[in-house]
C-alpha atoms as a PDB file:
ATOM      1  CA  MET A   1     -18.642 -15.302 -11.758  1.00  0.00           C
ATOM      2  CA  SER A   2     -15.273 -14.061 -10.504  1.00  0.00           C
ATOM      3  CA  ARG A   3     -14.922 -11.665  -7.654  1.00  0.00           C
ATOM      4  CA  VAL A   4     -13.835  -8.126  -8.533  1.00  0.00           C
ATOM      5  CA  ALA A   5     -10.998  -6.189  -6.929  1.00  0.00           C
ATOM      6  CA  ILE A   6     -11.641  -2.453  -7.162  1.00  0.00           C
ATOM      7  CA  VAL A   7      -8.238  -0.750  -7.263  1.00  0.00           C
ATOM      8  CA  LEU A   8      -8.007   2.972  -6.492  1.00  0.00           C
ATOM      9  CA  ARG A   9      -5.127   4.381  -8.542  1.00  0.00           C
ATOM     10  CA  HIS A  10      -3.637   7.892  -8.266  1.00  0.00           C
ATOM     11  CA  ASP A  11      -1.049   7.695 -11.052  1.00  0.00           C
ATOM     12  CA  ASP A  12      -0.826   5.486 -14.128  1.00  0.00           C
ATOM     13  CA  THR A  13       2.734   4.453 -13.206  1.00  0.00           C
ATOM     14  CA  ILE A  14       1.724   3.383  -9.677  1.00  0.00           C
ATOM     15  CA  HIS A  15      -0.241   0.225 -10.363  1.00  0.00           C
ATOM     16  CA  LEU A  16      -0.603  -3.288  -8.943  1.00  0.00           C
ATOM     17  CA  GLY A  17       2.671  -4.505 -10.437  1.00  0.00           C
ATOM     18  CA  ASN A  18       3.569  -7.963  -9.206  1.00  0.00           C
ATOM     19  CA  LEU A  19       0.419  -8.169  -7.071  1.00  0.00           C
ATOM     20  CA  GLU A  20      -1.977  -8.299 -10.020  1.00  0.00           C
ATOM     21  CA  PRO A  21      -1.103 -11.896 -10.979  1.00  0.00           C
ATOM     22  CA  VAL A  22      -1.680 -12.926  -7.358  1.00  0.00           C
ATOM     23  CA  LEU A  23      -5.167 -11.426  -7.428  1.00  0.00           C
ATOM     24  CA  ARG A  24      -5.995 -13.209 -10.666  1.00  0.00           C
ATOM     25  CA  GLU A  25      -4.669 -16.512  -9.294  1.00  0.00           C
ATOM     26  CA  HIS A  26      -7.079 -16.087  -6.391  1.00  0.00           C
ATOM     27  CA  GLY A  27     -10.047 -15.677  -8.699  1.00  0.00           C
ATOM     28  CA  TYR A  28     -10.320 -11.893  -8.846  1.00  0.00           C
ATOM     29  CA  SER A  29     -10.759  -9.750 -11.904  1.00  0.00           C
ATOM     30  CA  VAL A  30      -9.291  -6.250 -11.598  1.00  0.00           C
ATOM     31  CA  ARG A  31     -10.992  -2.928 -12.175  1.00  0.00           C
ATOM     32  CA  TYR A  32      -8.895   0.211 -11.814  1.00  0.00           C
ATOM     33  CA  VAL A  33     -10.574   3.448 -10.749  1.00  0.00           C
ATOM     34  CA  ASP A  34      -8.371   6.438 -11.538  1.00  0.00           C
ATOM     35  CA  THR A  35      -9.403   8.653  -8.676  1.00  0.00           C
ATOM     36  CA  LEU A  36      -8.141  11.941 -10.121  1.00  0.00           C
ATOM     37  CA  ARG A  37     -10.294  11.395 -13.228  1.00  0.00           C
ATOM     38  CA  GLU A  38     -13.171   9.235 -11.970  1.00  0.00           C
ATOM     39  CA  ASP A  39     -15.634   9.873  -9.156  1.00  0.00           C
ATOM     40  CA  VAL A  40     -15.351   7.278  -6.376  1.00  0.00           C
ATOM     41  CA  ARG A  41     -18.643   8.482  -4.895  1.00  0.00           C
ATOM     42  CA  GLY A  42     -20.411   6.142  -7.290  1.00  0.00           C
ATOM     43  CA  LEU A  43     -18.869   3.096  -5.623  1.00  0.00           C
ATOM     44  CA  ASP A  44     -20.962   1.198  -3.085  1.00  0.00           C
ATOM     45  CA  PRO A  45     -18.560   0.332  -0.232  1.00  0.00           C
ATOM     46  CA  ALA A  46     -20.719  -2.566   0.922  1.00  0.00           C
ATOM     47  CA  ARG A  47     -20.843  -4.260  -2.491  1.00  0.00           C
ATOM     48  CA  ILE A  48     -17.138  -4.290  -3.392  1.00  0.00           C
ATOM     49  CA  ASP A  49     -15.563  -7.732  -3.095  1.00  0.00           C
ATOM     50  CA  LEU A  50     -12.083  -6.374  -2.371  1.00  0.00           C
ATOM     51  CA  LEU A  51     -10.882  -2.766  -2.201  1.00  0.00           C
ATOM     52  CA  VAL A  52      -7.212  -2.008  -2.907  1.00  0.00           C
ATOM     53  CA  VAL A  53      -5.857   1.531  -2.448  1.00  0.00           C
ATOM     54  CA  LEU A  54      -2.505   2.262  -4.084  1.00  0.00           C
ATOM     55  CA  GLY A  55       0.146   4.906  -3.582  1.00  0.00           C
ATOM     56  CA  GLY A  56       0.523   8.387  -5.022  1.00  0.00           C
ATOM     57  CA  GLU A  57       2.755  11.428  -4.937  1.00  0.00           C
ATOM     58  CA  MET A  58       0.309  13.599  -2.989  1.00  0.00           C
ATOM     59  CA  GLY A  59      -0.159  13.688   0.777  1.00  0.00           C
ATOM     60  CA  VAL A  60      -3.394  13.012   2.630  1.00  0.00           C
ATOM     61  CA  TYR A  61      -3.152  16.563   4.012  1.00  0.00           C
ATOM     62  CA  GLU A  62      -3.218  18.022   0.466  1.00  0.00           C
ATOM     63  CA  ALA A  63      -6.936  17.513  -0.052  1.00  0.00           C
ATOM     64  CA  ASP A  64      -7.368  21.204  -0.885  1.00  0.00           C
ATOM     65  CA  ASN A  65      -5.354  20.540  -4.049  1.00  0.00           C
ATOM     66  CA  PHE A  66      -6.648  16.988  -4.533  1.00  0.00           C
ATOM     67  CA  PRO A  67     -10.277  17.009  -3.342  1.00  0.00           C
ATOM     68  CA  ALA A  68     -10.767  13.417  -4.506  1.00  0.00           C
ATOM     69  CA  LEU A  69      -8.787  12.386  -1.426  1.00  0.00           C
ATOM     70  CA  ASN A  70     -11.696  13.441   0.784  1.00  0.00           C
ATOM     71  CA  ASP A  71     -14.013  11.219  -1.242  1.00  0.00           C
ATOM     72  CA  GLU A  72     -11.596   8.302  -0.838  1.00  0.00           C
ATOM     73  CA  ILE A  73     -11.456   8.828   2.913  1.00  0.00           C
ATOM     74  CA  ALA A  74     -15.264   8.876   3.069  1.00  0.00           C
ATOM     75  CA  LEU A  75     -15.397   5.654   1.041  1.00  0.00           C
ATOM     76  CA  LEU A  76     -12.829   4.047   3.331  1.00  0.00           C
ATOM     77  CA  GLU A  77     -14.682   5.155   6.462  1.00  0.00           C
ATOM     78  CA  GLN A  78     -17.775   3.303   5.255  1.00  0.00           C
ATOM     79  CA  ARG A  79     -15.815   0.347   3.950  1.00  0.00           C
ATOM     80  CA  LEU A  80     -13.843  -0.162   7.150  1.00  0.00           C
ATOM     81  CA  ALA A  81     -16.984   0.239   9.241  1.00  0.00           C
ATOM     82  CA  SER A  82     -18.561  -2.578   7.204  1.00  0.00           C
ATOM     83  CA  GLY A  83     -15.701  -4.976   8.032  1.00  0.00           C
ATOM     84  CA  ARG A  84     -15.095  -5.885   4.407  1.00  0.00           C
ATOM     85  CA  PRO A  85     -11.601  -6.505   2.925  1.00  0.00           C
ATOM     86  CA  VAL A  86      -9.255  -3.582   2.293  1.00  0.00           C
ATOM     87  CA  PHE A  87      -5.585  -3.570   1.314  1.00  0.00           C
ATOM     88  CA  GLY A  88      -3.660  -0.277   1.326  1.00  0.00           C
ATOM     89  CA  VAL A  89      -0.176   0.566   0.050  1.00  0.00           C
ATOM     90  CA  CYS A  90       1.790   3.694   1.046  1.00  0.00           C
ATOM     91  CA  LEU A  91      -0.678   6.546   0.387  1.00  0.00           C
ATOM     92  CA  GLY A  92      -3.373   3.882   0.590  1.00  0.00           C
ATOM     93  CA  ALA A  93      -2.208   2.938   4.092  1.00  0.00           C
ATOM     94  CA  GLN A  94      -2.163   6.626   5.064  1.00  0.00           C
ATOM     95  CA  LEU A  95      -5.697   7.105   3.739  1.00  0.00           C
ATOM     96  CA  MET A  96      -6.819   4.097   5.767  1.00  0.00           C
ATOM     97  CA  ALA A  97      -5.241   5.631   8.876  1.00  0.00           C
ATOM     98  CA  ALA A  98      -7.000   8.944   8.179  1.00  0.00           C
ATOM     99  CA  ALA A  99     -10.318   7.157   7.687  1.00  0.00           C
ATOM    100  CA  LEU A 100      -9.819   5.566  11.105  1.00  0.00           C
ATOM    101  CA  GLY A 101      -9.328   8.999  12.688  1.00  0.00           C
ATOM    102  CA  SER A 102      -5.536   9.249  12.823  1.00  0.00           C
ATOM    103  CA  ARG A 103      -3.289  12.128  11.812  1.00  0.00           C
ATOM    104  CA  VAL A 104      -1.147  11.852   8.673  1.00  0.00           C
ATOM    105  CA  TYR A 105       1.864  14.142   8.409  1.00  0.00           C
ATOM    106  CA  ARG A 106       5.378  14.642   7.070  1.00  0.00           C
ATOM    107  CA  GLY A 107       7.941  12.248   8.493  1.00  0.00           C
ATOM    108  CA  PRO A 108      11.594  12.745   9.414  1.00  0.00           C
ATOM    109  CA  THR A 109      13.118  11.622   6.107  1.00  0.00           C
ATOM    110  CA  ASN A 110      12.282  11.037   2.462  1.00  0.00           C
ATOM    111  CA  GLU A 111      12.976   7.333   2.115  1.00  0.00           C
ATOM    112  CA  ILE A 112      13.828   6.146  -1.375  1.00  0.00           C
ATOM    113  CA  GLY A 113      15.254   2.681  -1.849  1.00  0.00           C
ATOM    114  CA  TYR A 114      15.264  -0.778  -0.363  1.00  0.00           C
ATOM    115  CA  ARG A 115      15.023  -0.878   3.432  1.00  0.00           C
ATOM    116  CA  SER A 116      14.453  -3.511   6.079  1.00  0.00           C
ATOM    117  CA  VAL A 117      11.275  -3.470   8.130  1.00  0.00           C
ATOM    118  CA  GLU A 118      10.946  -5.543  11.260  1.00  0.00           C
ATOM    119  CA  PRO A 119       7.740  -7.375  12.138  1.00  0.00           C
ATOM    120  CA  THR A 120       6.383  -6.915  15.643  1.00  0.00           C
ATOM    121  CA  LEU A 121       5.460  -9.930  17.762  1.00  0.00           C
ATOM    122  CA  ALA A 122       2.002  -9.782  16.201  1.00  0.00           C
ATOM    123  CA  GLY A 123       3.527  -9.304  12.765  1.00  0.00           C
ATOM    124  CA  ALA A 124       5.675 -12.399  13.201  1.00  0.00           C
ATOM    125  CA  THR A 125       2.541 -14.549  13.018  1.00  0.00           C
ATOM    126  CA  SER A 126       0.891 -12.517  10.256  1.00  0.00           C
ATOM    127  CA  PRO A 127       1.405 -12.464   6.467  1.00  0.00           C
ATOM    128  CA  VAL A 128       3.845  -9.565   6.990  1.00  0.00           C
ATOM    129  CA  ARG A 129       6.340 -12.039   8.441  1.00  0.00           C
ATOM    130  CA  HIS A 130       7.360 -12.899   4.878  1.00  0.00           C
ATOM    131  CA  VAL A 131       9.259  -9.599   4.551  1.00  0.00           C
ATOM    132  CA  SER A 132      11.338 -10.222   7.674  1.00  0.00           C
ATOM    133  CA  GLY A 133      14.990  -9.988   6.645  1.00  0.00           C
ATOM    134  CA  VAL A 134      14.026  -9.032   3.083  1.00  0.00           C
ATOM    135  CA  PRO A 135      14.696  -5.398   2.088  1.00  0.00           C
ATOM    136  CA  VAL A 136      11.491  -3.906   0.692  1.00  0.00           C
ATOM    137  CA  PHE A 137      11.094  -0.892  -1.535  1.00  0.00           C
ATOM    138  CA  GLN A 138      10.255   2.447   0.072  1.00  0.00           C
ATOM    139  CA  TRP A 139       9.393   5.768  -1.513  1.00  0.00           C
ATOM    140  CA  HIS A 140       7.678   8.075   0.947  1.00  0.00           C
ATOM    141  CA  SER A 141       8.177  11.001   3.280  1.00  0.00           C
ATOM    142  CA  ASP A 142       4.861  10.838   5.151  1.00  0.00           C
ATOM    143  CA  THR A 143       3.750   8.857   8.147  1.00  0.00           C
ATOM    144  CA  PHE A 144       0.732   8.515  10.431  1.00  0.00           C
ATOM    145  CA  ASP A 145      -0.255   7.940  14.023  1.00  0.00           C
ATOM    146  CA  LEU A 146      -1.352   4.384  14.658  1.00  0.00           C
ATOM    147  CA  PRO A 147      -5.158   4.272  14.682  1.00  0.00           C
ATOM    148  CA  GLU A 148      -7.018   2.984  17.707  1.00  0.00           C
ATOM    149  CA  GLY A 149      -8.173  -0.606  17.486  1.00  0.00           C
ATOM    150  CA  VAL A 150      -5.630  -1.786  14.903  1.00  0.00           C
ATOM    151  CA  THR A 151      -2.682  -4.148  15.330  1.00  0.00           C
ATOM    152  CA  ARG A 152       0.782  -2.790  14.514  1.00  0.00           C
ATOM    153  CA  LEU A 153       2.577  -5.420  12.440  1.00  0.00           C
ATOM    154  CA  ALA A 154       5.928  -3.843  11.496  1.00  0.00           C
ATOM    155  CA  GLY A 155       8.185  -0.836  11.940  1.00  0.00           C
ATOM    156  CA  SER A 156      11.630   0.445  11.047  1.00  0.00           C
ATOM    157  CA  PRO A 157      14.212   2.680  12.775  1.00  0.00           C
ATOM    158  CA  GLN A 158      13.033   5.672  10.721  1.00  0.00           C
ATOM    159  CA  TYR A 159       9.291   4.974  10.736  1.00  0.00           C
ATOM    160  CA  GLY A 160       7.618   3.155  13.591  1.00  0.00           C
ATOM    161  CA  ASN A 161       4.420   2.356  11.707  1.00  0.00           C
ATOM    162  CA  GLU A 162       5.180   0.296   8.604  1.00  0.00           C
ATOM    163  CA  ALA A 163       2.180  -2.032   8.654  1.00  0.00           C
ATOM    164  CA  PHE A 164      -1.058  -2.560  10.554  1.00  0.00           C
ATOM    165  CA  SER A 165      -4.112  -4.755  10.338  1.00  0.00           C
ATOM    166  CA  ILE A 166      -7.667  -5.069  11.523  1.00  0.00           C
ATOM    167  CA  GLY A 167      -8.473  -8.693  12.146  1.00  0.00           C
ATOM    168  CA  ASP A 168      -7.702 -10.752   9.066  1.00  0.00           C
ATOM    169  CA  TRP A 169      -9.603  -8.516   6.636  1.00  0.00           C
ATOM    170  CA  ALA A 170      -7.772  -5.167   6.517  1.00  0.00           C
ATOM    171  CA  LEU A 171      -4.046  -4.793   5.866  1.00  0.00           C
ATOM    172  CA  ALA A 172      -2.081  -1.569   5.387  1.00  0.00           C
ATOM    173  CA  VAL A 173       1.610  -1.381   4.469  1.00  0.00           C
ATOM    174  CA  GLN A 174       3.740   1.746   4.191  1.00  0.00           C
ATOM    175  CA  PHE A 175       6.284   0.104   1.880  1.00  0.00           C
ATOM    176  CA  HIS A 176       5.727  -0.808  -1.786  1.00  0.00           C
ATOM    177  CA  PRO A 177       5.425  -4.600  -2.162  1.00  0.00           C
ATOM    178  CA  GLU A 178       4.021  -4.200  -5.683  1.00  0.00           C
ATOM    179  CA  VAL A 179       7.098  -2.687  -7.330  1.00  0.00           C
ATOM    180  CA  THR A 180       8.675  -4.618 -10.190  1.00  0.00           C
ATOM    181  CA  ALA A 181      12.076  -3.848 -11.671  1.00  0.00           C
ATOM    182  CA  GLU A 182      10.310  -2.158 -14.594  1.00  0.00           C
ATOM    183  CA  MET A 183       8.226   0.059 -12.299  1.00  0.00           C
ATOM    184  CA  HIS A 184      11.331   0.931 -10.305  1.00  0.00           C
ATOM    185  CA  GLU A 185      13.086   2.186 -13.443  1.00  0.00           C
ATOM    186  CA  VAL A 186      10.061   4.203 -14.594  1.00  0.00           C
ATOM    187  CA  TRP A 187       9.813   5.881 -11.196  1.00  0.00           C
ATOM    188  CA  LEU A 188      13.522   6.713 -11.108  1.00  0.00           C
ATOM    189  CA  VAL A 189      13.471   8.291 -14.558  1.00  0.00           C
ATOM    190  CA  ALA A 190      10.272  10.251 -13.887  1.00  0.00           C
ATOM    191  CA  SER A 191      11.545  11.573 -10.533  1.00  0.00           C
ATOM    192  CA  GLU A 192      15.159  12.269 -11.429  1.00  0.00           C
ATOM    193  CA  ALA A 193      15.068  15.769  -9.928  1.00  0.00           C
ATOM    194  CA  GLU A 194      13.551  14.583  -6.633  1.00  0.00           C
ATOM    195  CA  VAL A 195      16.048  11.752  -6.337  1.00  0.00           C
ATOM    196  CA  ALA A 196      18.969  14.131  -6.846  1.00  0.00           C
ATOM    197  CA  ALA A 197      17.539  16.770  -4.496  1.00  0.00           C
ATOM    198  CA  GLU A 198      17.256  14.199  -1.724  1.00  0.00           C
ATOM    199  CA  GLY A 199      20.898  13.212  -2.144  1.00  0.00           C
ATOM    200  CA  TYR A 200      20.380   9.774  -3.651  1.00  0.00           C
ATOM    201  CA  ASN A 201      22.602   8.363  -6.377  1.00  0.00           C
ATOM    202  CA  PRO A 202      20.510   6.695  -9.106  1.00  0.00           C
ATOM    203  CA  ALA A 203      23.339   4.258  -9.819  1.00  0.00           C
ATOM    204  CA  ASP A 204      23.240   3.104  -6.200  1.00  0.00           C
ATOM    205  CA  LEU A 205      19.465   2.716  -6.329  1.00  0.00           C
ATOM    206  CA  ARG A 206      19.733   0.634  -9.494  1.00  0.00           C
ATOM    207  CA  ARG A 207      22.456  -1.509  -7.948  1.00  0.00           C
ATOM    208  CA  ASP A 208      20.228  -2.190  -4.954  1.00  0.00           C
ATOM    209  CA  ARG A 209      17.416  -3.117  -7.326  1.00  0.00           C
ATOM    210  CA  GLU A 210      19.625  -5.780  -8.845  1.00  0.00           C
ATOM    211  CA  LEU A 211      20.406  -7.083  -5.375  1.00  0.00           C
ATOM    212  CA  TYR A 212      16.978  -7.010  -3.763  1.00  0.00           C
ATOM    213  CA  SER A 213      14.136  -6.779  -6.299  1.00  0.00           C
ATOM    214  CA  ARG A 214      13.727 -10.490  -6.961  1.00  0.00           C
ATOM    215  CA  GLY A 215      13.758 -11.405  -3.276  1.00  0.00           C
ATOM    216  CA  MET A 216      11.273  -8.669  -2.399  1.00  0.00           C
ATOM    217  CA  GLN A 217       8.861  -9.727  -5.102  1.00  0.00           C
ATOM    218  CA  GLY A 218       8.932 -13.289  -3.821  1.00  0.00           C
ATOM    219  CA  ALA A 219       8.270 -12.120  -0.274  1.00  0.00           C
ATOM    220  CA  SER A 220       5.499  -9.755  -1.322  1.00  0.00           C
ATOM    221  CA  ARG A 221       3.817 -12.468  -3.380  1.00  0.00           C
ATOM    222  CA  ALA A 222       3.882 -14.765  -0.338  1.00  0.00           C
ATOM    223  CA  MET A 223       2.566 -12.001   1.947  1.00  0.00           C
ATOM    224  CA  PHE A 224      -0.295 -10.958  -0.325  1.00  0.00           C
ATOM    225  CA  SER A 225      -1.228 -14.521  -1.245  1.00  0.00           C
ATOM    226  CA  GLU A 226      -1.409 -15.587   2.396  1.00  0.00           C
ATOM    227  CA  TRP A 227      -3.525 -12.557   3.259  1.00  0.00           C
ATOM    228  CA  LEU A 228      -5.951 -13.298   0.422  1.00  0.00           C
ATOM    229  CA  ASP A 229      -6.102 -16.951   1.481  1.00  0.00           C
ATOM    230  CA  GLY A 230      -7.061 -15.857   4.985  1.00  0.00           C
ATOM    231  CA  LEU A 231     -10.057 -13.740   3.983  1.00  0.00           C
ATOM    232  CA  ASP A 232     -13.395 -15.051   5.173  1.00  0.00           C
ATOM    233  CA  PRO A 233     -15.441 -15.892   2.043  1.00  0.00           C
ATOM    234  CA  GLU A 234     -18.483 -14.306   3.666  1.00  0.00           C
ATOM    235  CA  ARG A 235     -16.653 -10.965   3.752  1.00  0.00           C
ATOM    236  CA  THR A 236     -15.992 -11.087   0.011  1.00  0.00           C
ATOM    237  CA  SER A 237     -19.436 -12.101  -1.153  1.00  0.00           C
END
């Protein structure tokens, strides 16, 4: 029987992208839970083989408008306390930080596009090292304080906390390693007004996609695959 990756999704267009084939290659089947339509309180945090938390347009601090976020944080609190594998992307990383007791808040800029992130000394020996020198896709304006007890793995000039880990079983990244060229185009078209309001030129963003998308997807595949390889089988059974 294959292991199951439970994937918390906040928007149909924000899915696993290029990471889904990596999960399947590692013997996982995938079950999406659409958190704005399905109740995560029915999930048993101790019985999930792998929990993946994806991005979304809302902020952690908007739980009054999106009460499901509080349920996700509660699930993550229990999951992280159990020491079982969790992977978080963008909003998912912010929810992990909140579950660990840290503040999540608006950052200095709305980053849209491919940016470089630099691994820390710890990151240079972690799976995150694969994105060193490879521009990765960003779309966020929120950040978080680094939780106590985690290891900071990467940062950038604009955002100091781009990735963190707990041991070899929990990994959170602020950037979007999952984004394919197709997802990138869907996001640009759907958020045309936001892109323009923030002063970005869609033609420039598409040009950068042509330059960097293939390299980023290769790096993200290597990063995610190495992280999955490093999971202790006892933590996923």
